[in-house]
Amino acid sequence: METSLRFGGDSKTLRIHAKEKLPIDPKTHLEVHGEFDIGVGAPSYFCAAIRHSYHDLSASLGIGLHYDKHEKLRYSVQGKKAFAASSDGSLNFNIKGRCDVDKELREKKSRGAAELSWSVLNFQEDQDVRFKLGYELFDKVPYFQIRESNWTFNADANGRWNFRYLL
């Protein structure tokens, strides 16, 4: 199980996030993850999705259920495709999209992004670093990410930010 501590400018409270991937077959797994908001003292998010990887296409597709304290229950479909931009695989161009629909199938919320990802293996001894620069297509907002072996910092041009630390 992967666990992390998360803190963001939008919530101002520390959250504990846990994620588990349960294999179904070599290319498919059930992914279950959720968050516990320490400030509220209650769970704030839960998601269960079946994800299938298309390794030969550098792509994946996921279908699942998403529950959070604000939007309640939603159905979700998401996909991602990576294009190698360098021969060693350290530089990639990614496109990804997601569509959430409420349980009555009336209200939908779509997101999509295009991003450039650069992974630097052994940036320093036993330390890998990844830099992402992207653009959220529906909100029309640029964003960036810096990820080191155990921590990740995300921020966008609207001033939203969050920090994650893997335990």
C-alpha atoms as a PDB file:
ATOM      1  CA  MET A   1       0.000   0.000   0.000  1.00  0.00           C
ATOM      2  CA  GLU A   2       1.217   3.471  -0.859  1.00  0.00           C
ATOM      3  CA  THR A   3       0.530   6.149   1.756  1.00  0.00           C
ATOM      4  CA  SER A   4       1.272   9.849   1.696  1.00  0.00           C
ATOM      5  CA  LEU A   5       0.713  13.051   3.634  1.00  0.00           C
ATOM      6  CA  ARG A   6      -0.905  15.830   1.600  1.00  0.00           C
ATOM      7  CA  PHE A   7      -1.327  19.528   2.214  1.00  0.00           C
ATOM      8  CA  GLY A   8      -2.698  22.146  -0.144  1.00  0.00           C
ATOM      9  CA  GLY A   9      -3.505  25.826  -0.214  1.00  0.00           C
ATOM     10  CA  ASP A  10      -7.187  25.096  -0.879  1.00  0.00           C
ATOM     11  CA  SER A  11      -7.923  23.033   2.238  1.00  0.00           C
ATOM     12  CA  LYS A  12      -5.393  24.290   4.806  1.00  0.00           C
ATOM     13  CA  THR A  13      -5.569  20.915   6.579  1.00  0.00           C
ATOM     14  CA  LEU A  14      -3.320  17.893   6.491  1.00  0.00           C
ATOM     15  CA  ARG A  15      -4.730  14.794   4.798  1.00  0.00           C
ATOM     16  CA  ILE A  16      -3.566  11.175   4.884  1.00  0.00           C
ATOM     17  CA  HIS A  17      -3.908   9.466   1.510  1.00  0.00           C
ATOM     18  CA  ALA A  18      -3.699   5.712   0.905  1.00  0.00           C
ATOM     19  CA  LYS A  19      -3.683   3.833  -2.417  1.00  0.00           C
ATOM     20  CA  GLU A  20      -3.646   0.148  -3.250  1.00  0.00           C
ATOM     21  CA  LYS A  21      -3.413  -1.541  -6.654  1.00  0.00           C
ATOM     22  CA  LEU A  22      -4.859  -5.055  -6.773  1.00  0.00           C
ATOM     23  CA  PRO A  23      -3.850  -7.025  -9.889  1.00  0.00           C
ATOM     24  CA  ILE A  24      -6.580  -8.615 -11.993  1.00  0.00           C
ATOM     25  CA  ASP A  25      -4.342  -9.686 -14.880  1.00  0.00           C
ATOM     26  CA  PRO A  26      -0.923  -8.514 -16.171  1.00  0.00           C
ATOM     27  CA  LYS A  27      -2.418  -5.429 -17.863  1.00  0.00           C
ATOM     28  CA  THR A  28      -5.405  -4.702 -15.573  1.00  0.00           C
ATOM     29  CA  HIS A  29      -5.719  -3.785 -11.910  1.00  0.00           C
ATOM     30  CA  LEU A  30      -8.281  -2.497  -9.442  1.00  0.00           C
ATOM     31  CA  GLU A  31      -7.066   0.748  -7.905  1.00  0.00           C
ATOM     32  CA  VAL A  32      -8.585   1.819  -4.593  1.00  0.00           C
ATOM     33  CA  HIS A  33      -7.585   5.016  -2.849  1.00  0.00           C
ATOM     34  CA  GLY A  34      -8.923   7.425  -0.276  1.00  0.00           C
ATOM     35  CA  GLU A  35      -8.115  10.313   2.026  1.00  0.00           C
ATOM     36  CA  PHE A  36      -8.677  11.083   5.669  1.00  0.00           C
ATOM     37  CA  ASP A  37      -8.844  14.808   6.502  1.00  0.00           C
ATOM     38  CA  ILE A  38      -7.159  15.348   9.870  1.00  0.00           C
ATOM     39  CA  GLY A  39      -8.664  18.834  10.318  1.00  0.00           C
ATOM     40  CA  VAL A  40     -12.229  17.538   9.970  1.00  0.00           C
ATOM     41  CA  GLY A  41     -11.514  14.150  11.540  1.00  0.00           C
ATOM     42  CA  ALA A  42     -13.333  12.258   8.798  1.00  0.00           C
ATOM     43  CA  PRO A  43     -12.760  10.680   5.375  1.00  0.00           C
ATOM     44  CA  SER A  44     -12.916  13.235   2.574  1.00  0.00           C
ATOM     45  CA  TYR A  45     -12.409  11.173  -0.572  1.00  0.00           C
ATOM     46  CA  PHE A  46     -12.726   7.613  -1.867  1.00  0.00           C
ATOM     47  CA  CYS A  47     -12.250   6.171  -5.348  1.00  0.00           C
ATOM     48  CA  ALA A  48     -12.317   2.688  -6.850  1.00  0.00           C
ATOM     49  CA  ALA A  49     -11.413   2.194 -10.511  1.00  0.00           C
ATOM     50  CA  ILE A  50     -10.462  -0.563 -12.886  1.00  0.00           C
ATOM     51  CA  ARG A  51      -7.437   0.469 -14.952  1.00  0.00           C
ATOM     52  CA  HIS A  52      -6.168  -1.243 -18.062  1.00  0.00           C
ATOM     53  CA  SER A  53      -2.737  -0.518 -19.542  1.00  0.00           C
ATOM     54  CA  TYR A  54      -1.949  -0.727 -23.211  1.00  0.00           C
ATOM     55  CA  HIS A  55       1.835  -1.068 -22.905  1.00  0.00           C
ATOM     56  CA  ASP A  56       2.449  -1.310 -26.647  1.00  0.00           C
ATOM     57  CA  LEU A  57       0.643   2.053 -27.109  1.00  0.00           C
ATOM     58  CA  SER A  58       2.020   3.733 -23.942  1.00  0.00           C
ATOM     59  CA  ALA A  59      -1.599   4.353 -22.934  1.00  0.00           C
ATOM     60  CA  SER A  60      -4.070   3.518 -20.164  1.00  0.00           C
ATOM     61  CA  LEU A  61      -7.835   3.660 -19.606  1.00  0.00           C
ATOM     62  CA  GLY A  62      -9.720   3.690 -16.305  1.00  0.00           C
ATOM     63  CA  ILE A  63     -13.388   3.416 -15.322  1.00  0.00           C
ATOM     64  CA  GLY A  64     -14.601   3.798 -11.762  1.00  0.00           C
ATOM     65  CA  LEU A  65     -16.576   5.401  -8.957  1.00  0.00           C
ATOM     66  CA  HIS A  66     -15.522   8.547  -7.128  1.00  0.00           C
ATOM     67  CA  TYR A  67     -16.946   9.823  -3.827  1.00  0.00           C
ATOM     68  CA  ASP A  68     -15.985  12.998  -2.004  1.00  0.00           C
ATOM     69  CA  LYS A  69     -17.555  15.117   0.704  1.00  0.00           C
ATOM     70  CA  HIS A  70     -18.477  17.926  -1.729  1.00  0.00           C
ATOM     71  CA  GLU A  71     -19.645  16.281  -4.965  1.00  0.00           C
ATOM     72  CA  LYS A  72     -20.919  13.016  -3.487  1.00  0.00           C
ATOM     73  CA  LEU A  73     -20.976   9.975  -5.815  1.00  0.00           C
ATOM     74  CA  ARG A  74     -19.754  10.314  -9.407  1.00  0.00           C
ATOM     75  CA  TYR A  75     -18.844   7.930 -12.219  1.00  0.00           C
ATOM     76  CA  SER A  76     -15.466   8.492 -13.829  1.00  0.00           C
ATOM     77  CA  VAL A  77     -13.733   7.622 -17.111  1.00  0.00           C
ATOM     78  CA  GLN A  78     -10.126   8.633 -17.701  1.00  0.00           C
ATOM     79  CA  GLY A  79      -7.370   7.973 -20.178  1.00  0.00           C
ATOM     80  CA  LYS A  80      -3.736   8.833 -20.755  1.00  0.00           C
ATOM     81  CA  LYS A  81      -1.363   8.535 -23.715  1.00  0.00           C
ATOM     82  CA  ALA A  82       2.398   9.139 -23.658  1.00  0.00           C
ATOM     83  CA  PHE A  83       4.575   9.967 -26.650  1.00  0.00           C
ATOM     84  CA  ALA A  84       8.334   9.524 -26.279  1.00  0.00           C
ATOM     85  CA  ALA A  85      10.161  12.748 -27.167  1.00  0.00           C
ATOM     86  CA  SER A  86      13.644  11.331 -26.597  1.00  0.00           C
ATOM     87  CA  SER A  87      15.302   8.043 -27.479  1.00  0.00           C
ATOM     88  CA  ASP A  88      16.115   7.204 -23.831  1.00  0.00           C
ATOM     89  CA  GLY A  89      12.522   7.787 -22.632  1.00  0.00           C
ATOM     90  CA  SER A  90      13.446  10.585 -20.220  1.00  0.00           C
ATOM     91  CA  LEU A  91      11.397  13.201 -22.097  1.00  0.00           C
ATOM     92  CA  ASN A  92       7.724  12.522 -22.859  1.00  0.00           C
ATOM     93  CA  PHE A  93       4.739  14.415 -24.187  1.00  0.00           C
ATOM     94  CA  ASN A  94       1.546  13.275 -22.432  1.00  0.00           C
ATOM     95  CA  ILE A  95      -2.117  13.864 -23.152  1.00  0.00           C
ATOM     96  CA  LYS A  96      -4.698  12.922 -20.576  1.00  0.00           C
ATOM     97  CA  GLY A  97      -8.394  13.379 -20.043  1.00  0.00           C
ATOM     98  CA  ARG A  98     -11.087  12.633 -17.528  1.00  0.00           C
ATOM     99  CA  CYS A  99     -14.856  12.918 -17.446  1.00  0.00           C
ATOM    100  CA  ASP A 100     -16.893  12.646 -14.240  1.00  0.00           C
ATOM    101  CA  VAL A 101     -20.678  12.290 -14.333  1.00  0.00           C
ATOM    102  CA  ASP A 102     -23.073  12.488 -11.378  1.00  0.00           C
ATOM    103  CA  LYS A 103     -25.109   9.458 -10.361  1.00  0.00           C
ATOM    104  CA  GLU A 104     -28.170  10.719 -12.291  1.00  0.00           C
ATOM    105  CA  LEU A 105     -26.002  11.032 -15.442  1.00  0.00           C
ATOM    106  CA  ARG A 106     -26.969  14.707 -15.815  1.00  0.00           C
ATOM    107  CA  GLU A 107     -24.065  16.850 -14.691  1.00  0.00           C
ATOM    108  CA  LYS A 108     -20.648  16.201 -16.187  1.00  0.00           C
ATOM    109  CA  LYS A 109     -17.267  17.657 -15.391  1.00  0.00           C
ATOM    110  CA  SER A 110     -14.475  17.234 -17.934  1.00  0.00           C
ATOM    111  CA  ARG A 111     -10.749  17.793 -17.597  1.00  0.00           C
ATOM    112  CA  GLY A 112      -7.954  17.395 -20.088  1.00  0.00           C
ATOM    113  CA  ALA A 113      -4.302  18.306 -20.221  1.00  0.00           C
ATOM    114  CA  ALA A 114      -1.235  18.269 -22.408  1.00  0.00           C
ATOM    115  CA  GLU A 115       2.096  18.133 -20.646  1.00  0.00           C
ATOM    116  CA  LEU A 116       5.815  17.749 -21.140  1.00  0.00           C
ATOM    117  CA  SER A 117       7.500  15.455 -18.613  1.00  0.00           C
ATOM    118  CA  TRP A 118      11.262  15.209 -18.063  1.00  0.00           C
ATOM    119  CA  SER A 119      12.632  12.478 -15.767  1.00  0.00           C
ATOM    120  CA  VAL A 120      16.204  12.760 -14.515  1.00  0.00           C
ATOM    121  CA  LEU A 121      17.400   9.440 -13.085  1.00  0.00           C
ATOM    122  CA  ASN A 122      20.144   9.687 -10.461  1.00  0.00           C
ATOM    123  CA  PHE A 123      19.919  13.478 -10.345  1.00  0.00           C
ATOM    124  CA  GLN A 124      22.055  12.958  -7.271  1.00  0.00           C
ATOM    125  CA  GLU A 125      23.027   9.569  -5.868  1.00  0.00           C
ATOM    126  CA  ASP A 126      19.850   7.512  -5.272  1.00  0.00           C
ATOM    127  CA  GLN A 127      17.667  10.510  -6.136  1.00  0.00           C
ATOM    128  CA  ASP A 128      15.386  10.687  -9.167  1.00  0.00           C
ATOM    129  CA  VAL A 129      13.676  13.952 -10.142  1.00  0.00           C
ATOM    130  CA  ARG A 130      10.797  14.596 -12.548  1.00  0.00           C
ATOM    131  CA  PHE A 131       9.694  17.952 -13.912  1.00  0.00           C
ATOM    132  CA  LYS A 132       6.321  18.463 -15.596  1.00  0.00           C
ATOM    133  CA  LEU A 133       5.050  21.499 -17.407  1.00  0.00           C
ATOM    134  CA  GLY A 134       1.466  21.283 -18.595  1.00  0.00           C
ATOM    135  CA  TYR A 135      -1.658  23.080 -19.714  1.00  0.00           C
ATOM    136  CA  GLU A 136      -5.166  22.220 -18.465  1.00  0.00           C
ATOM    137  CA  LEU A 137      -7.281  22.489 -21.611  1.00  0.00           C
ATOM    138  CA  PHE A 138     -10.773  23.064 -20.153  1.00  0.00           C
ATOM    139  CA  ASP A 139      -9.779  25.552 -17.442  1.00  0.00           C
ATOM    140  CA  LYS A 140      -7.077  27.053 -19.717  1.00  0.00           C
ATOM    141  CA  VAL A 141      -4.516  27.058 -16.897  1.00  0.00           C
ATOM    142  CA  PRO A 142      -0.790  26.268 -17.122  1.00  0.00           C
ATOM    143  CA  TYR A 143       0.701  24.180 -14.297  1.00  0.00           C
ATOM    144  CA  PHE A 144       3.947  22.584 -13.218  1.00  0.00           C
ATOM    145  CA  GLN A 145       5.132  19.758 -11.004  1.00  0.00           C
ATOM    146  CA  ILE A 146       8.444  18.916  -9.359  1.00  0.00           C
ATOM    147  CA  ARG A 147       8.731  15.383  -8.029  1.00  0.00           C
ATOM    148  CA  GLU A 148      11.640  13.962  -6.110  1.00  0.00           C
ATOM    149  CA  SER A 149      11.848  10.380  -4.845  1.00  0.00           C
ATOM    150  CA  ASN A 150       9.541  11.019  -1.835  1.00  0.00           C
ATOM    151  CA  TRP A 151       7.903  14.398  -2.331  1.00  0.00           C
ATOM    152  CA  THR A 152       5.879  16.201  -4.988  1.00  0.00           C
ATOM    153  CA  PHE A 153       5.014  19.897  -5.349  1.00  0.00           C
ATOM    154  CA  ASN A 154       2.253  20.994  -7.771  1.00  0.00           C
ATOM    155  CA  ALA A 155       1.207  24.549  -8.620  1.00  0.00           C
ATOM    156  CA  ASP A 156      -0.778  26.335 -11.315  1.00  0.00           C
ATOM    157  CA  ALA A 157      -1.145  29.865 -12.689  1.00  0.00           C
ATOM    158  CA  ASN A 158      -4.346  30.431 -10.655  1.00  0.00           C
ATOM    159  CA  GLY A 159      -2.345  30.181  -7.419  1.00  0.00           C
ATOM    160  CA  ARG A 160      -3.531  26.694  -6.475  1.00  0.00           C
ATOM    161  CA  TRP A 161      -0.830  24.473  -5.009  1.00  0.00           C
ATOM    162  CA  ASN A 162      -0.362  21.265  -3.053  1.00  0.00           C
ATOM    163  CA  PHE A 163       2.419  19.264  -1.515  1.00  0.00           C
ATOM    164  CA  ARG A 164       2.654  15.468  -1.131  1.00  0.00           C
ATOM    165  CA  TYR A 165       5.103  13.431   0.893  1.00  0.00           C
ATOM    166  CA  LEU A 166       5.269   9.643   0.402  1.00  0.00           C
ATOM    167  CA  LEU A 167       5.651   7.702   3.627  1.00  0.00           C
END
